[in-house]
Amino acid sequence: MSTDHALPPQASDEKIIYLLKTQGEMSAAELAERLSMTSMGARQHLQALEQQGLVTYTDRAEGRGRPRRCWFLTDAAWQRFPDRHAQLTVTLLDSISQLFGEAGLDQLISQREKDSEADYIRALAECTDLEARLQALAQRRSEEGYMAQWQAEQDGSYLLTEHHCPICAAASRCQQFCRSELELFRRLLAPARVERSQHLLSNGSRCIYRITP
């Protein structure tokens, strides 16, 4: 059985938003089970969030019987997650490219990678095993807005999942950011092998890294 190591919010409404962000659409019954509350309680929270324009639903027919009502986040709710000033970032990247060419962009990304690596090395400094490093890395990435969590798999490997990308606009403009982060994780978690198995910018719903000791 996999074990999740996440950093969810505390208030019930925020927990619902967090679950819909990380798990995708869910029914009131599924949310109630995850949050240890009654289905009526979950529906009341969902109705309150709907009135705020943060969630909406669709009814899905699944064989005979009543359709299954599935709740999901609205665009307004997605705006609650940090994007690191997306348009400004893209504009700056375009300006750097025009002024200094692709070599200038490469230098920028390389410097960001060095700065991030130094920060993560400090965060992982007291970690004595792979699981401790994964926990520290996921916590640091979550603090940066990536909504990261890790879990142990039955085959002995681990998954590091990032449910949000606060630099998505920049990474869409310049995918060297994504390649840089993969290489950074490989160095931080060596000698374990790190591969990206799902990519947000390649039609994935999140970024998932498989770590094999």
Protein backbone atom coordinates (compact mmCIF):
# COMPACT_ATOMS: atom_id res chain seq x y z
CA MET A 1 0.00 0.00 0.00
CA SER A 2 1.36 3.41 -0.96
CA THR A 3 1.93 6.01 1.71
CA ASP A 4 1.30 9.67 0.87
CA HIS A 5 3.37 12.39 2.48
CA ALA A 6 1.61 15.66 1.69
CA LEU A 7 1.11 19.03 3.33
CA PRO A 8 -2.66 19.70 3.01
CA PRO A 9 -4.35 22.82 4.35
CA GLN A 10 -6.41 22.77 7.52
CA ALA A 11 -9.82 24.47 6.98
CA SER A 12 -12.50 22.20 5.45
CA ASP A 13 -13.17 24.49 2.47
CA GLU A 14 -9.45 24.75 1.75
CA LYS A 15 -9.09 20.98 2.09
CA ILE A 16 -11.83 20.48 -0.50
CA ILE A 17 -10.10 22.88 -2.90
CA TYR A 18 -6.80 21.10 -2.25
CA LEU A 19 -8.31 17.66 -2.94
CA LEU A 20 -10.02 18.79 -6.14
CA LYS A 21 -6.75 20.35 -7.27
CA THR A 22 -4.62 17.29 -6.50
CA GLN A 23 -7.09 14.48 -7.25
CA GLY A 24 -9.27 15.95 -9.98
CA GLU A 25 -13.06 15.84 -9.96
CA MET A 26 -14.70 14.03 -7.02
CA SER A 27 -18.19 13.33 -5.73
CA ALA A 28 -19.50 14.64 -2.42
CA ALA A 29 -19.39 11.10 -1.04
CA GLU A 30 -15.73 10.71 -2.02
CA LEU A 31 -14.84 14.04 -0.45
CA ALA A 32 -16.77 13.13 2.70
CA GLU A 33 -14.81 9.89 3.03
CA ARG A 34 -11.47 11.62 2.56
CA LEU A 35 -12.34 14.37 5.05
CA SER A 36 -14.04 12.11 7.63
CA MET A 37 -17.32 14.01 7.51
CA THR A 38 -20.88 13.19 6.48
CA SER A 39 -21.99 13.43 2.85
CA MET A 40 -24.42 16.15 3.93
CA GLY A 41 -21.56 18.11 5.48
CA ALA A 42 -19.49 17.77 2.30
CA ARG A 43 -22.42 18.95 0.17
CA GLN A 44 -22.90 21.99 2.41
CA HIS A 45 -19.25 22.95 1.98
CA LEU A 46 -19.49 22.38 -1.78
CA GLN A 47 -22.61 24.54 -2.04
CA ALA A 48 -20.85 27.33 -0.13
CA LEU A 49 -17.85 27.08 -2.46
CA GLU A 50 -20.18 27.04 -5.46
CA GLN A 51 -21.78 30.29 -4.28
CA GLN A 52 -18.29 31.80 -4.11
CA GLY A 53 -17.68 30.71 -7.69
CA LEU A 54 -14.85 28.35 -6.74
CA VAL A 55 -16.36 24.97 -7.66
CA THR A 56 -18.92 23.67 -10.11
CA TYR A 57 -20.18 20.24 -11.12
CA THR A 58 -21.24 17.98 -13.92
CA ASP A 59 -23.59 14.99 -13.73
CA ARG A 60 -22.10 11.85 -15.27
CA ALA A 61 -24.27 8.88 -16.22
CA GLU A 62 -22.70 5.61 -15.06
CA GLY A 63 -24.97 2.76 -16.05
CA ARG A 64 -28.36 2.48 -14.42
CA GLY A 65 -29.49 4.69 -11.60
CA ARG A 66 -28.92 8.32 -10.84
CA PRO A 67 -26.04 10.15 -12.52
CA ARG A 68 -22.92 10.68 -10.45
CA ARG A 69 -22.41 14.36 -9.58
CA CYS A 70 -18.73 15.22 -9.97
CA TRP A 71 -17.34 18.44 -8.54
CA PHE A 72 -14.31 20.28 -9.90
CA LEU A 73 -12.55 23.63 -9.60
CA THR A 74 -13.54 26.70 -11.61
CA ASP A 75 -11.05 29.02 -13.29
CA ALA A 76 -11.47 31.38 -10.33
CA ALA A 77 -10.29 28.65 -7.96
CA TRP A 78 -7.26 27.89 -10.12
CA GLN A 79 -6.27 31.53 -9.81
CA ARG A 80 -5.79 30.96 -6.07
CA PHE A 81 -2.65 28.97 -6.81
CA PRO A 82 0.54 30.98 -7.37
CA ASP A 83 1.74 31.53 -10.93
CA ARG A 84 4.77 33.72 -10.14
CA HIS A 85 3.44 36.61 -12.26
CA ALA A 86 3.10 34.59 -15.45
CA GLN A 87 2.76 37.29 -18.09
CA LEU A 88 5.58 39.41 -16.68
CA THR A 89 7.84 36.36 -16.60
CA VAL A 90 7.13 35.48 -20.23
CA THR A 91 7.71 39.09 -21.28
CA LEU A 92 11.06 39.16 -19.49
CA LEU A 93 12.12 35.88 -21.09
CA ASP A 94 11.23 37.24 -24.53
CA SER A 95 13.25 40.38 -23.81
CA ILE A 96 16.28 38.37 -22.68
CA SER A 97 16.04 36.23 -25.80
CA GLN A 98 15.88 39.29 -28.05
CA LEU A 99 18.76 41.06 -26.31
CA PHE A 100 21.11 38.17 -25.59
CA GLY A 101 19.86 35.29 -27.73
CA GLU A 102 19.33 31.70 -26.61
CA ALA A 103 22.76 31.74 -24.97
CA GLY A 104 21.49 34.43 -22.62
CA LEU A 105 18.47 32.31 -21.70
CA ASP A 106 20.73 29.33 -21.08
CA GLN A 107 22.86 31.41 -18.71
CA LEU A 108 19.76 32.60 -16.85
CA ILE A 109 18.45 29.06 -16.40
CA SER A 110 21.88 27.79 -15.39
CA GLN A 111 22.15 30.46 -12.68
CA ARG A 112 18.63 29.68 -11.42
CA GLU A 113 19.58 26.00 -11.26
CA LYS A 114 22.71 26.78 -9.23
CA ASP A 115 20.77 29.00 -6.82
CA SER A 116 18.04 26.37 -6.38
CA GLU A 117 20.58 23.61 -5.87
CA ALA A 118 22.35 25.57 -3.13
CA ASP A 119 19.01 26.18 -1.40
CA TYR A 120 17.94 22.53 -1.63
CA ILE A 121 21.32 21.26 -0.43
CA ARG A 122 20.86 23.36 2.71
CA ALA A 123 17.33 21.97 3.16
CA LEU A 124 18.57 18.37 2.77
CA ALA A 125 21.77 18.82 4.75
CA GLU A 126 20.70 16.78 7.78
CA CYS A 127 18.89 14.03 5.85
CA THR A 128 20.53 10.65 6.32
CA ASP A 129 18.50 8.48 3.92
CA LEU A 130 16.50 8.72 0.70
CA GLU A 131 13.09 9.00 2.37
CA ALA A 132 14.29 11.87 4.55
CA ARG A 133 15.65 13.64 1.47
CA LEU A 134 12.36 13.14 -0.36
CA GLN A 135 10.41 14.52 2.59
CA ALA A 136 12.65 17.59 2.85
CA LEU A 137 12.60 18.17 -0.90
CA ALA A 138 8.80 17.83 -1.13
CA GLN A 139 8.36 20.24 1.77
CA ARG A 140 10.70 22.81 0.21
CA ARG A 141 9.01 22.50 -3.18
CA SER A 142 5.58 22.90 -1.55
CA GLU A 143 6.80 26.07 0.13
CA GLU A 144 7.65 27.31 -3.37
CA GLY A 145 4.12 26.58 -4.61
CA TYR A 146 4.53 23.19 -6.31
CA MET A 147 2.11 21.31 -4.00
CA ALA A 148 4.59 18.43 -3.82
CA GLN A 149 4.20 15.10 -2.09
CA TRP A 150 6.02 11.78 -2.14
CA GLN A 151 4.91 8.22 -1.66
CA ALA A 152 6.51 4.80 -1.37
CA GLU A 153 5.52 2.20 -3.96
CA GLN A 154 5.20 -1.56 -3.44
CA ASP A 155 8.09 -2.28 -5.81
CA GLY A 156 10.50 -0.32 -3.60
CA SER A 157 10.55 2.80 -5.74
CA TYR A 158 9.14 6.22 -4.80
CA LEU A 159 7.01 8.81 -6.56
CA LEU A 160 7.53 12.54 -6.17
CA THR A 161 4.39 14.28 -7.42
CA GLU A 162 3.99 18.01 -8.04
CA HIS A 163 0.34 18.96 -8.46
CA HIS A 164 0.97 22.57 -9.42
CA CYS A 165 3.60 24.45 -11.39
CA PRO A 166 4.09 28.05 -10.24
CA ILE A 167 6.41 28.70 -13.20
CA CYS A 168 4.19 27.03 -15.81
CA ALA A 169 4.08 30.06 -18.10
CA ALA A 170 7.86 30.38 -18.06
CA ALA A 171 8.33 26.64 -18.59
CA SER A 172 5.87 26.71 -21.51
CA ARG A 173 7.90 29.50 -23.10
CA CYS A 174 11.24 27.84 -22.38
CA GLN A 175 11.23 24.13 -21.58
CA GLN A 176 14.88 24.23 -20.53
CA PHE A 177 13.40 25.04 -17.10
CA CYS A 178 11.87 21.55 -16.97
CA ARG A 179 15.03 19.82 -18.16
CA SER A 180 17.02 21.82 -15.62
CA GLU A 181 14.78 20.72 -12.75
CA LEU A 182 14.99 17.05 -13.76
CA GLU A 183 18.79 17.20 -13.79
CA LEU A 184 18.75 19.00 -10.44
CA PHE A 185 16.61 16.27 -8.85
CA ARG A 186 18.96 13.63 -10.22
CA ARG A 187 21.93 15.26 -8.52
CA LEU A 188 20.10 15.85 -5.24
CA LEU A 189 18.81 12.28 -4.99
CA ALA A 190 21.85 10.43 -6.37
CA PRO A 191 22.72 7.59 -6.47
CA ALA A 192 18.99 6.87 -6.88
CA ARG A 193 17.73 6.95 -10.47
CA VAL A 194 15.19 9.71 -11.23
CA GLU A 195 12.91 9.68 -14.27
CA ARG A 196 9.94 11.92 -15.10
CA SER A 197 6.94 9.66 -15.76
CA GLN A 198 4.31 12.37 -16.23
CA HIS A 199 4.78 15.95 -17.40
CA LEU A 200 2.32 18.80 -16.97
CA LEU A 201 3.45 20.40 -20.23
CA SER A 202 3.07 17.12 -22.15
CA ASN A 203 -0.67 16.73 -21.52
CA GLY A 204 -0.18 15.36 -18.02
CA SER A 205 -2.35 16.51 -15.12
CA ARG A 206 0.75 16.97 -12.94
CA CYS A 207 4.49 16.28 -12.92
CA ILE A 208 5.49 12.91 -11.49
CA TYR A 209 9.03 11.68 -10.92
CA ARG A 210 9.84 8.03 -10.24
CA ILE A 211 12.82 7.53 -7.94
CA THR A 212 14.43 4.09 -7.91
CA PRO A 213 17.05 3.40 -5.20
